N, C-alpha and C. Protein backbone atom coordinates (compact mmCIF):
# COMPACT_ATOMS: atom_id res chain seq x y z
N MET A 1 -18.57 -8.22 -2.59
CA MET A 1 -16.72 -9.32 -3.62
C MET A 1 -16.39 -8.03 -3.87
N THR A 2 -16.86 -6.94 -4.70
CA THR A 2 -16.17 -6.07 -5.09
C THR A 2 -15.47 -4.85 -3.88
N ASN A 3 -15.68 -4.77 -2.65
CA ASN A 3 -15.08 -4.14 -1.77
C ASN A 3 -14.40 -4.90 -1.31
N PHE A 4 -14.05 -6.30 -0.87
CA PHE A 4 -13.44 -7.37 -0.53
C PHE A 4 -11.93 -7.39 -1.61
N ILE A 5 -12.30 -6.94 -2.94
CA ILE A 5 -11.21 -6.74 -3.94
C ILE A 5 -10.47 -5.05 -3.72
N ALA A 6 -11.30 -4.90 -3.45
CA ALA A 6 -10.65 -2.72 -3.28
C ALA A 6 -10.11 -3.58 -2.04
N LEU A 7 -10.35 -4.15 -1.30
CA LEU A 7 -9.48 -4.17 0.04
C LEU A 7 -8.07 -4.98 0.16
N LEU A 8 -8.00 -5.44 -0.97
CA LEU A 8 -6.91 -6.42 -1.50
C LEU A 8 -5.91 -5.67 -2.31
N CYS A 9 -6.76 -4.82 -3.12
CA CYS A 9 -5.92 -3.91 -3.87
C CYS A 9 -4.60 -3.03 -3.11
N VAL A 10 -5.79 -2.43 -1.94
CA VAL A 10 -5.28 -1.17 -0.80
C VAL A 10 -4.05 -2.13 0.08
N LEU A 11 -4.00 -3.84 -0.13
CA LEU A 11 -3.67 -4.47 1.04
C LEU A 11 -2.20 -4.82 -0.20
N GLY A 12 -2.39 -5.13 -1.16
CA GLY A 12 -1.33 -5.29 -2.49
C GLY A 12 -0.19 -4.03 -2.27
N ILE A 13 -1.56 -2.71 -2.86
CA ILE A 13 -0.38 -1.57 -2.78
C ILE A 13 0.75 -1.36 -1.43
N ALA A 14 0.11 -1.63 -0.41
CA ALA A 14 0.55 -1.93 0.87
C ALA A 14 2.09 -2.35 1.12
N ALA A 15 1.76 -3.94 0.38
CA ALA A 15 2.96 -4.25 0.20
C ALA A 15 4.14 -4.46 -1.22
N GLY A 16 3.35 -3.67 -1.58
CA GLY A 16 4.42 -3.32 -2.75
C GLY A 16 5.00 -2.65 -2.28
N GLN A 17 4.57 -1.66 -1.57
CA GLN A 17 5.43 -0.21 -1.27
C GLN A 17 6.56 -0.68 0.02
N VAL A 18 6.38 -1.71 0.60
CA VAL A 18 7.47 -2.85 1.64
C VAL A 18 7.74 -3.45 1.10
N LEU A 19 7.74 -4.26 -0.15
CA LEU A 19 9.08 -4.96 -1.41
C LEU A 19 9.57 -3.78 -1.72
N PHE A 20 9.25 -2.51 -1.92
CA PHE A 20 10.06 -1.36 -2.51
C PHE A 20 10.74 -1.04 -1.43
N LYS A 21 10.72 -0.94 -0.08
CA LYS A 21 11.55 -0.54 0.66
C LYS A 21 12.83 -2.07 1.10
N LEU A 22 12.36 -2.83 0.92
CA LEU A 22 13.25 -3.83 0.61
C LEU A 22 14.44 -3.69 -0.35
N CYS A 23 13.79 -3.63 -1.26
CA CYS A 23 14.73 -3.25 -2.68
C CYS A 23 15.79 -2.43 -1.94
N ALA A 24 15.27 -0.70 -1.54
CA ALA A 24 15.76 -0.42 -1.55
C ALA A 24 17.45 -0.43 -0.53
N GLN A 25 16.53 -1.10 0.22
CA GLN A 25 18.14 -1.56 1.36
C GLN A 25 18.62 -2.53 0.51
N ALA A 26 18.62 -3.60 0.10
CA ALA A 26 19.50 -4.50 -0.70
C ALA A 26 20.04 -3.57 -1.50
N TYR A 27 19.68 -2.58 -2.38
CA TYR A 27 19.94 -2.09 -3.26
C TYR A 27 21.29 -1.37 -2.67
N GLN A 28 21.17 -0.70 -1.59
CA GLN A 28 22.32 0.32 -0.57
C GLN A 28 23.38 -0.70 -0.40
N SER A 29 23.00 -1.99 0.25
CA SER A 29 23.85 -3.00 0.76
C SER A 29 24.59 -3.67 -0.41
N GLN A 30 24.53 -4.11 -1.40
CA GLN A 30 24.12 -5.31 -2.18
C GLN A 30 24.57 -4.59 -3.79
N GLY A 31 24.14 -3.37 -4.12
CA GLY A 31 23.92 -2.86 -5.51
C GLY A 31 22.90 -3.39 -5.92
N ILE A 32 22.56 -2.39 -7.19
CA ILE A 32 21.71 -2.93 -8.00
C ILE A 32 21.65 -3.55 -8.85
N PHE A 33 22.42 -4.69 -9.05
CA PHE A 33 22.21 -5.76 -10.01
C PHE A 33 22.50 -6.93 -9.22
N ALA A 34 22.39 -6.81 -7.80
CA ALA A 34 22.28 -8.04 -7.27
C ALA A 34 21.77 -8.84 -7.24
N SER A 35 21.38 -9.84 -7.02
CA SER A 35 19.90 -10.89 -7.59
C SER A 35 18.60 -10.69 -6.46
N SER A 36 19.02 -9.81 -5.30
CA SER A 36 18.21 -10.39 -3.90
C SER A 36 17.44 -8.97 -4.31
N THR A 37 18.18 -7.55 -5.20
CA THR A 37 17.63 -6.41 -5.43
C THR A 37 16.62 -6.55 -6.44
N LEU A 38 16.89 -7.29 -7.25
CA LEU A 38 16.44 -6.94 -8.98
C LEU A 38 15.44 -7.73 -8.51
N SER A 39 15.21 -9.26 -7.81
CA SER A 39 14.26 -10.24 -7.44
C SER A 39 12.97 -9.38 -6.79
N LEU A 40 13.61 -8.08 -5.93
CA LEU A 40 12.34 -7.30 -4.64
C LEU A 40 11.63 -6.35 -5.67
N PHE A 41 12.56 -6.24 -6.61
CA PHE A 41 12.05 -5.12 -7.42
C PHE A 41 10.69 -5.71 -8.36
N GLY A 42 11.17 -6.54 -8.55
CA GLY A 42 10.37 -7.57 -10.08
C GLY A 42 9.10 -8.20 -8.78
N ALA A 43 9.20 -8.41 -7.59
CA ALA A 43 8.15 -9.19 -7.32
C ALA A 43 7.38 -7.51 -6.79
N ALA A 44 8.01 -6.90 -6.89
CA ALA A 44 6.97 -4.83 -6.47
C ALA A 44 6.33 -5.18 -7.28
N MET A 45 6.88 -4.99 -9.03
CA MET A 45 6.62 -4.53 -10.03
C MET A 45 5.35 -5.23 -10.03
N ALA A 46 5.87 -6.90 -10.37
CA ALA A 46 4.53 -7.97 -10.34
C ALA A 46 3.66 -7.61 -9.93
N LEU A 47 3.53 -7.49 -8.01
CA LEU A 47 2.58 -7.17 -7.40
C LEU A 47 1.80 -5.65 -8.08
N TYR A 48 2.38 -4.98 -8.18
CA TYR A 48 1.76 -3.69 -8.61
C TYR A 48 0.66 -4.15 -10.02
N GLY A 49 1.76 -5.06 -10.87
CA GLY A 49 0.64 -5.36 -12.06
C GLY A 49 -0.49 -6.16 -11.72
N ILE A 50 -0.51 -6.88 -10.65
CA ILE A 50 -2.00 -7.56 -10.69
C ILE A 50 -2.71 -6.73 -10.16
N VAL A 51 -1.85 -5.98 -8.71
CA VAL A 51 -2.79 -5.50 -8.27
C VAL A 51 -4.07 -3.82 -9.66
N THR A 52 -3.06 -3.65 -10.08
CA THR A 52 -3.45 -2.73 -10.69
C THR A 52 -4.94 -3.65 -11.71
N PHE A 53 -4.49 -4.61 -12.47
CA PHE A 53 -5.76 -5.10 -12.89
C PHE A 53 -6.37 -5.29 -11.90
N ALA A 54 -6.85 -6.16 -11.32
CA ALA A 54 -7.71 -6.27 -9.66
C ALA A 54 -8.26 -4.54 -9.79
N TRP A 55 -7.97 -3.61 -9.42
CA TRP A 55 -8.62 -2.10 -9.53
C TRP A 55 -9.35 -2.01 -10.56
N VAL A 56 -8.76 -2.38 -11.95
CA VAL A 56 -9.33 -1.83 -12.74
C VAL A 56 -10.94 -2.96 -13.06
N TRP A 57 -10.64 -3.91 -12.04
CA TRP A 57 -11.60 -4.78 -12.30
C TRP A 57 -12.99 -3.93 -11.33
N VAL A 58 -12.39 -3.66 -9.89
CA VAL A 58 -13.48 -3.27 -9.11
C VAL A 58 -14.21 -1.69 -10.23
N LEU A 59 -13.22 -1.33 -10.55
CA LEU A 59 -14.09 0.05 -11.18
C LEU A 59 -15.11 -0.09 -12.47
N SER A 60 -14.64 -1.45 -12.54
CA SER A 60 -15.54 -1.88 -13.80
C SER A 60 -17.08 -2.16 -13.39
N ARG A 61 -17.07 -2.37 -11.68
CA ARG A 61 -18.66 -2.44 -11.12
C ARG A 61 -18.34 -1.59 -9.59
N ALA A 62 -17.99 -0.86 -9.84
CA ALA A 62 -17.82 0.62 -8.72
C ALA A 62 -17.98 1.94 -9.44
N ASP A 63 -18.31 3.00 -8.44
CA ASP A 63 -18.52 3.97 -8.53
C ASP A 63 -16.70 4.26 -8.46
N LEU A 64 -15.66 5.07 -9.42
CA LEU A 64 -14.71 5.49 -8.61
C LEU A 64 -14.79 6.52 -7.19
N GLY A 65 -15.73 7.44 -6.82
CA GLY A 65 -15.88 8.20 -6.03
C GLY A 65 -16.54 7.44 -4.51
N LYS A 66 -16.83 6.17 -4.51
CA LYS A 66 -16.78 5.34 -3.81
C LYS A 66 -16.15 4.59 -2.80
N VAL A 67 -15.04 4.11 -3.68
CA VAL A 67 -14.54 3.04 -3.92
C VAL A 67 -12.82 3.42 -3.42
N TYR A 68 -12.42 4.79 -3.58
CA TYR A 68 -11.07 4.98 -4.03
C TYR A 68 -11.04 5.56 -2.86
N PRO A 69 -11.70 6.05 -1.93
CA PRO A 69 -11.19 6.67 -0.36
C PRO A 69 -10.60 5.40 0.56
N LEU A 70 -11.00 4.57 -0.24
CA LEU A 70 -10.14 3.02 0.36
C LEU A 70 -8.68 2.88 0.50
N MET A 71 -8.45 3.75 -0.97
CA MET A 71 -6.63 3.31 -1.53
C MET A 71 -6.32 4.38 -0.09
N ALA A 72 -7.11 5.38 0.34
CA ALA A 72 -5.85 5.95 1.50
C ALA A 72 -5.97 4.65 2.83
N LEU A 73 -6.16 4.20 3.17
CA LEU A 73 -6.03 3.30 3.82
C LEU A 73 -4.37 2.77 3.72
N ALA A 74 -4.27 2.90 2.65
CA ALA A 74 -2.97 2.61 2.22
C ALA A 74 -1.79 3.54 3.36
N PHE A 75 -1.89 4.63 3.39
CA PHE A 75 -1.33 5.66 3.96
C PHE A 75 -1.64 5.04 5.92
N VAL A 76 -2.09 4.83 6.12
CA VAL A 76 -2.59 3.86 7.27
C VAL A 76 -1.41 2.60 7.49
N LEU A 77 -1.52 1.56 6.29
CA LEU A 77 -1.07 0.51 6.43
C LEU A 77 0.25 0.17 6.64
N VAL A 78 1.04 1.03 5.55
CA VAL A 78 2.51 1.48 5.03
C VAL A 78 2.96 1.89 6.36
N PRO A 79 2.63 3.01 6.85
CA PRO A 79 3.27 3.42 8.45
C PRO A 79 3.41 2.26 9.56
N LEU A 80 2.30 1.14 9.52
CA LEU A 80 2.22 0.37 11.09
C LEU A 80 3.28 -0.67 10.26
N ALA A 81 3.19 -0.72 8.88
CA ALA A 81 4.35 -2.00 8.66
C ALA A 81 5.70 -1.48 8.42
N SER A 82 6.18 -0.29 8.73
CA SER A 82 7.26 0.25 8.37
C SER A 82 7.61 -0.13 9.76
N TYR A 83 7.21 0.07 11.02
CA TYR A 83 6.59 0.63 12.10
C TYR A 83 7.18 -0.56 12.51
N SER A 84 6.58 -1.59 11.88
CA SER A 84 6.90 -3.25 12.67
C SER A 84 8.26 -3.93 12.01
N LEU A 85 8.57 -3.49 10.87
CA LEU A 85 9.34 -4.30 9.92
C LEU A 85 10.87 -3.62 9.74
N PHE A 86 10.72 -2.46 10.07
CA PHE A 86 11.93 -1.79 9.65
C PHE A 86 12.03 -0.74 11.20
N GLN A 87 11.63 -1.30 11.98
CA GLN A 87 11.72 -0.20 13.76
C GLN A 87 11.59 1.54 13.31
N GLU A 88 10.68 1.65 12.07
CA GLU A 88 10.58 3.16 12.05
C GLU A 88 9.41 4.17 12.87
N ARG A 89 9.39 5.41 13.38
CA ARG A 89 9.40 5.79 14.54
C ARG A 89 9.08 6.91 13.85
N PHE A 90 7.28 7.53 15.01
CA PHE A 90 6.83 8.46 14.06
C PHE A 90 6.30 9.54 15.07
N SER A 91 6.27 10.57 14.31
CA SER A 91 5.37 11.28 15.74
C SER A 91 4.25 11.61 15.93
N VAL A 92 4.04 12.09 17.24
CA VAL A 92 2.80 11.73 17.80
C VAL A 92 1.73 12.52 16.46
N ALA A 93 2.27 13.75 16.22
CA ALA A 93 1.52 14.73 15.01
C ALA A 93 1.25 13.81 13.84
N TYR A 94 2.16 13.25 13.29
CA TYR A 94 2.57 11.94 12.44
C TYR A 94 0.79 10.69 12.52
N MET A 95 0.41 10.59 13.65
CA MET A 95 0.15 9.89 14.27
C MET A 95 -1.64 9.93 14.26
N LEU A 96 -1.45 11.71 14.59
CA LEU A 96 -3.00 12.27 14.40
C LEU A 96 -3.26 11.83 13.34
N GLY A 97 -2.52 12.58 12.31
CA GLY A 97 -2.93 12.30 10.83
C GLY A 97 -3.31 11.59 10.58
N VAL A 98 -2.52 9.84 10.92
CA VAL A 98 -3.08 8.62 10.04
C VAL A 98 -4.08 8.72 10.49
N PHE A 99 -4.82 9.08 12.28
CA PHE A 99 -6.08 9.02 12.73
C PHE A 99 -7.17 9.65 12.17
N LEU A 100 -6.83 10.62 11.26
CA LEU A 100 -7.93 11.72 11.03
C LEU A 100 -7.89 10.69 9.39
N ILE A 101 -7.44 10.39 9.15
CA ILE A 101 -6.88 9.75 7.44
C ILE A 101 -8.00 8.46 7.78
N VAL A 102 -8.01 8.00 9.00
CA VAL A 102 -8.89 6.70 9.14
C VAL A 102 -10.07 7.23 9.48
N VAL A 103 -10.79 8.08 10.18
CA VAL A 103 -12.29 9.00 10.20
C VAL A 103 -12.10 9.77 8.83
N GLY A 104 -11.47 10.39 7.87
CA GLY A 104 -11.75 10.30 6.71
C GLY A 104 -12.15 9.08 6.44
N ILE A 105 -12.09 8.30 6.25
CA ILE A 105 -12.59 6.75 5.30
C ILE A 105 -13.60 6.10 5.86
N VAL A 106 -13.91 6.28 7.01
CA VAL A 106 -14.98 5.64 7.57
C VAL A 106 -16.04 6.65 7.05
N LEU A 107 -15.80 8.14 7.52
CA LEU A 107 -17.05 9.03 6.92
C LEU A 107 -17.25 8.86 5.28
N THR A 108 -16.31 8.96 4.51
CA THR A 108 -16.98 8.90 3.02
C THR A 108 -17.22 7.68 2.92
N THR A 109 -17.09 6.21 3.62
CA THR A 109 -17.84 5.18 2.95
C THR A 109 -18.96 4.91 3.71
N GLN A 110 -19.22 5.33 4.26
CA GLN A 110 -20.38 5.63 5.19
C GLN A 110 -21.03 6.51 4.77
N SER A 111 -21.04 7.79 4.07
CA SER A 111 -21.99 8.10 2.81
C SER A 111 -22.91 7.50 1.70
């Protein structure tokens, strides 16, 4: 259960980054005080707050050194989301780096 909640935290962090990007786009096109900008910012902050409490719960039940490598999954999920949602493109070297992060996550969680 603890690892499942930790993975939900990672998903929440990645989703928060997507919300911040959407907020930045709304800010550029509509301004900082537009309702869409403020709503996206508020949603991102609320999500980060919830994820923070969930992460504290995870840390109360698991060793930091064991679950923290899972946070690196955000470095994989965010580029995937930015590719699919924002049509951002990445170089081969970047994708190799993401692959190495995945290998590192697998190695650290298996030890």
